[in-house]
Amino acid sequence: MAEDIVPLCVDLDGTLISGDLSLIASRAFVKRNPANALLLALWLLRGRAYLKARLAERVTPDWDALAYHRGVIEWLRSQRAAGRRLILVSGSPLAYVGLLAERLGFFSDFAGSEGRVNLIGRGKRRWLLEKFGVRGYDYVGNSRWDVPIFAKARRAYLVSLSPRILAMARKRAPDVVQIPPA
């Protein structure tokens, strides 16, 4: 069956969880010491991937406090139980992505932002195309950053109730399937 051969690649921020791990970590870092806001600004001057890596070295998210999209997670578990290969691909820091993939226990592999590579939008699409080729993967995402990825995926799944995002996704992937987050 083709579903078994084509991997299901899944976004993290806004797709598996409500929110963005880097923003959650940034808030925690500044809350710890308001002067840390200056460090964030300095790190950002070196690029988003650099900022995310520095945050991951200093802040560990409270995994239990994250707002998980339970409906999405249950659907992914059913895909895994059916023999599907699941890959977590996120713009969040690689360290966070690895920890969450391990914690959830149903991902075969993972990728995240590291070095100078901020794995979102076109950068993520390029990574997916190099790894799997055009139509060589299915993709689950939630935002405008995922729309270019949908266009090259074999099948697109949207975790969003936004009519605007749905309209954008349908322009690039007319048969996009909506998955309610809750």
Protein backbone atom coordinates (compact mmCIF):
# COMPACT_ATOMS: atom_id res chain seq x y z
CA MET A 1 0.00 0.00 0.00
CA ALA A 2 1.37 3.45 -0.97
CA GLU A 3 0.47 4.91 2.46
CA ASP A 4 3.01 2.54 4.01
CA ILE A 5 5.77 3.60 1.63
CA VAL A 6 5.29 7.39 1.65
CA PRO A 7 6.31 8.93 4.98
CA LEU A 8 4.01 11.27 6.85
CA CYS A 9 6.00 14.40 7.77
CA VAL A 10 4.55 16.46 10.60
CA ASP A 11 5.09 20.06 11.68
CA LEU A 12 5.32 20.78 15.42
CA ASP A 13 4.49 24.41 16.27
CA GLY A 14 0.77 25.04 15.82
CA THR A 15 0.26 21.52 14.47
CA LEU A 16 1.10 19.17 17.35
CA ILE A 17 0.86 21.92 19.94
CA SER A 18 -0.96 25.20 20.20
CA GLY A 19 1.81 27.77 20.12
CA ASP A 20 5.48 27.95 19.19
CA LEU A 21 8.20 26.31 21.30
CA SER A 22 10.72 29.05 20.54
CA LEU A 23 8.31 31.76 21.69
CA ILE A 24 7.42 29.76 24.80
CA ALA A 25 11.14 29.36 25.58
CA SER A 26 11.80 33.07 24.88
CA ARG A 27 9.10 34.12 27.34
CA ALA A 28 10.46 31.77 30.00
CA PHE A 29 14.00 33.06 29.40
CA VAL A 30 12.97 36.72 29.77
CA LYS A 31 10.71 35.95 32.74
CA ARG A 32 13.72 34.40 34.49
CA ASN A 33 15.61 37.69 34.07
CA PRO A 34 14.22 40.67 32.10
CA ALA A 35 17.79 41.61 31.06
CA ASN A 36 17.79 38.42 28.98
CA ALA A 37 15.67 40.31 26.43
CA LEU A 38 18.89 42.03 25.33
CA LEU A 39 20.55 38.65 24.79
CA LEU A 40 17.61 37.55 22.64
CA ALA A 41 18.01 40.65 20.48
CA LEU A 42 21.76 40.07 20.10
CA TRP A 43 21.25 36.40 19.19
CA LEU A 44 18.59 37.33 16.65
CA LEU A 45 21.14 39.52 14.86
CA ARG A 46 22.99 36.28 14.05
CA GLY A 47 19.85 34.66 12.64
CA ARG A 48 16.73 32.88 13.83
CA ALA A 49 18.38 29.44 13.83
CA TYR A 50 21.20 30.80 16.02
CA LEU A 51 18.67 32.35 18.43
CA LYS A 52 16.75 29.07 18.66
CA ALA A 53 19.91 27.07 19.36
CA ARG A 54 20.98 29.43 22.16
CA LEU A 55 17.52 29.23 23.73
CA ALA A 56 17.58 25.43 23.60
CA GLU A 57 20.87 25.47 25.52
CA ARG A 58 19.35 27.56 28.32
CA VAL A 59 15.65 26.73 28.57
CA THR A 60 13.85 23.40 28.75
CA PRO A 61 10.14 23.65 28.04
CA ASP A 62 7.69 22.19 30.53
CA TRP A 63 6.51 19.38 28.24
CA ASP A 64 3.50 18.62 30.44
CA ALA A 65 2.31 22.24 30.34
CA LEU A 66 2.17 22.45 26.54
CA ALA A 67 -1.28 22.62 24.93
CA TYR A 68 -1.20 19.51 22.74
CA HIS A 69 -3.67 19.10 19.89
CA ARG A 70 -5.10 15.81 21.15
CA GLY A 71 -7.11 15.09 17.99
CA VAL A 72 -3.99 15.38 15.85
CA ILE A 73 -1.93 13.22 18.21
CA GLU A 74 -4.58 10.48 18.26
CA TRP A 75 -4.77 10.54 14.45
CA LEU A 76 -0.97 10.27 14.23
CA ARG A 77 -0.98 7.34 16.66
CA SER A 78 -3.52 5.58 14.45
CA GLN A 79 -1.32 6.24 11.39
CA ARG A 80 1.68 4.77 13.21
CA ALA A 81 -0.36 1.76 14.37
CA ALA A 82 -1.28 1.15 10.73
CA GLY A 83 2.44 0.93 9.91
CA ARG A 84 3.03 4.47 8.68
CA ARG A 85 6.47 6.04 9.07
CA LEU A 86 6.11 9.40 10.88
CA ILE A 87 8.76 12.12 10.80
CA LEU A 88 8.64 15.24 12.97
CA VAL A 89 10.00 18.16 10.91
CA SER A 90 10.01 21.52 12.67
CA GLY A 91 11.44 25.01 12.71
CA SER A 92 11.92 24.57 16.46
CA PRO A 93 15.46 23.88 17.70
CA LEU A 94 16.67 20.38 16.85
CA ALA A 95 17.21 19.64 20.57
CA TYR A 96 13.54 20.40 21.35
CA VAL A 97 12.29 18.44 18.35
CA GLY A 98 14.31 15.38 19.38
CA LEU A 99 13.13 15.53 22.97
CA LEU A 100 9.48 15.86 21.97
CA ALA A 101 9.73 13.09 19.35
CA GLU A 102 11.19 10.78 21.99
CA ARG A 103 8.58 11.81 24.54
CA LEU A 104 5.66 11.13 22.20
CA GLY A 105 7.19 7.85 21.08
CA PHE A 106 5.56 7.41 17.67
CA PHE A 107 7.99 9.25 15.39
CA SER A 108 10.56 7.27 13.37
CA ASP A 109 12.81 10.28 12.83
CA PHE A 110 12.98 14.03 13.32
CA ALA A 111 14.59 17.21 12.00
CA GLY A 112 14.74 20.75 13.34
CA SER A 113 16.51 24.07 13.05
CA GLU A 114 20.25 23.96 13.65
CA GLY A 115 23.37 25.85 12.66
CA ARG A 116 22.31 28.46 10.13
CA VAL A 117 19.32 26.45 8.88
CA ASN A 118 15.92 27.65 10.11
CA LEU A 119 13.70 24.78 9.03
CA ILE A 120 10.51 26.65 8.12
CA GLY A 121 8.71 27.52 4.88
CA ARG A 122 10.85 27.21 1.79
CA GLY A 123 13.82 25.92 3.80
CA LYS A 124 11.71 23.07 5.13
CA ARG A 125 10.32 22.40 1.66
CA ARG A 126 13.88 22.23 0.27
CA TRP A 127 14.86 19.77 3.03
CA LEU A 128 11.82 17.57 2.33
CA LEU A 129 12.44 17.60 -1.43
CA GLU A 130 16.11 16.65 -0.98
CA LYS A 131 15.13 13.81 1.33
CA PHE A 132 11.98 12.47 -0.39
CA GLY A 133 11.53 14.22 -3.76
CA VAL A 134 8.38 15.74 -5.25
CA ARG A 135 5.27 13.83 -4.14
CA GLY A 136 7.49 11.53 -2.08
CA TYR A 137 5.96 12.53 1.25
CA ASP A 138 2.67 13.55 2.84
CA TYR A 139 2.72 16.64 5.05
CA VAL A 140 0.76 17.85 8.07
CA GLY A 141 1.02 21.59 8.78
CA ASN A 142 -0.98 24.52 10.06
CA SER A 143 0.18 27.89 8.76
CA ARG A 144 1.00 30.06 5.77
CA TRP A 145 4.61 28.88 6.12
CA ASP A 146 3.42 25.36 5.28
CA VAL A 147 1.58 26.31 2.07
CA PRO A 148 4.70 26.03 -0.18
CA ILE A 149 5.32 22.59 1.35
CA PHE A 150 1.76 21.45 0.57
CA ALA A 151 2.33 22.22 -3.12
CA LYS A 152 5.11 19.60 -3.41
CA ALA A 153 3.61 16.96 -1.09
CA ARG A 154 1.72 13.96 -2.36
CA ARG A 155 -1.05 14.67 0.14
CA ALA A 156 -1.55 17.73 2.36
CA TYR A 157 -3.21 17.82 5.78
CA LEU A 158 -4.10 21.14 7.40
CA VAL A 159 -4.51 21.54 11.17
CA SER A 160 -6.25 24.90 11.14
CA LEU A 161 -9.78 26.22 11.32
CA SER A 162 -8.77 29.52 9.67
CA PRO A 163 -10.71 30.11 6.43
CA ARG A 164 -7.84 32.30 5.17
CA ILE A 165 -5.20 29.58 5.68
CA LEU A 166 -7.53 26.97 4.17
CA ALA A 167 -8.04 29.16 1.07
CA MET A 168 -4.27 29.65 0.72
CA ALA A 169 -3.67 25.92 1.10
CA ARG A 170 -6.34 25.01 -1.47
CA LYS A 171 -4.66 27.23 -4.06
CA ARG A 172 -1.52 25.08 -3.82
CA ALA A 173 -3.09 21.73 -2.85
CA PRO A 174 -6.76 21.61 -3.93
CA ASP A 175 -7.42 18.30 -2.16
CA VAL A 176 -5.99 19.39 1.21
CA VAL A 177 -7.61 17.53 4.10
CA GLN A 178 -8.51 19.50 7.22
CA ILE A 179 -7.80 17.90 10.59
CA PRO A 180 -9.46 19.70 13.52
CA PRO A 181 -6.90 20.43 16.26
CA ALA A 182 -9.19 19.43 19.15
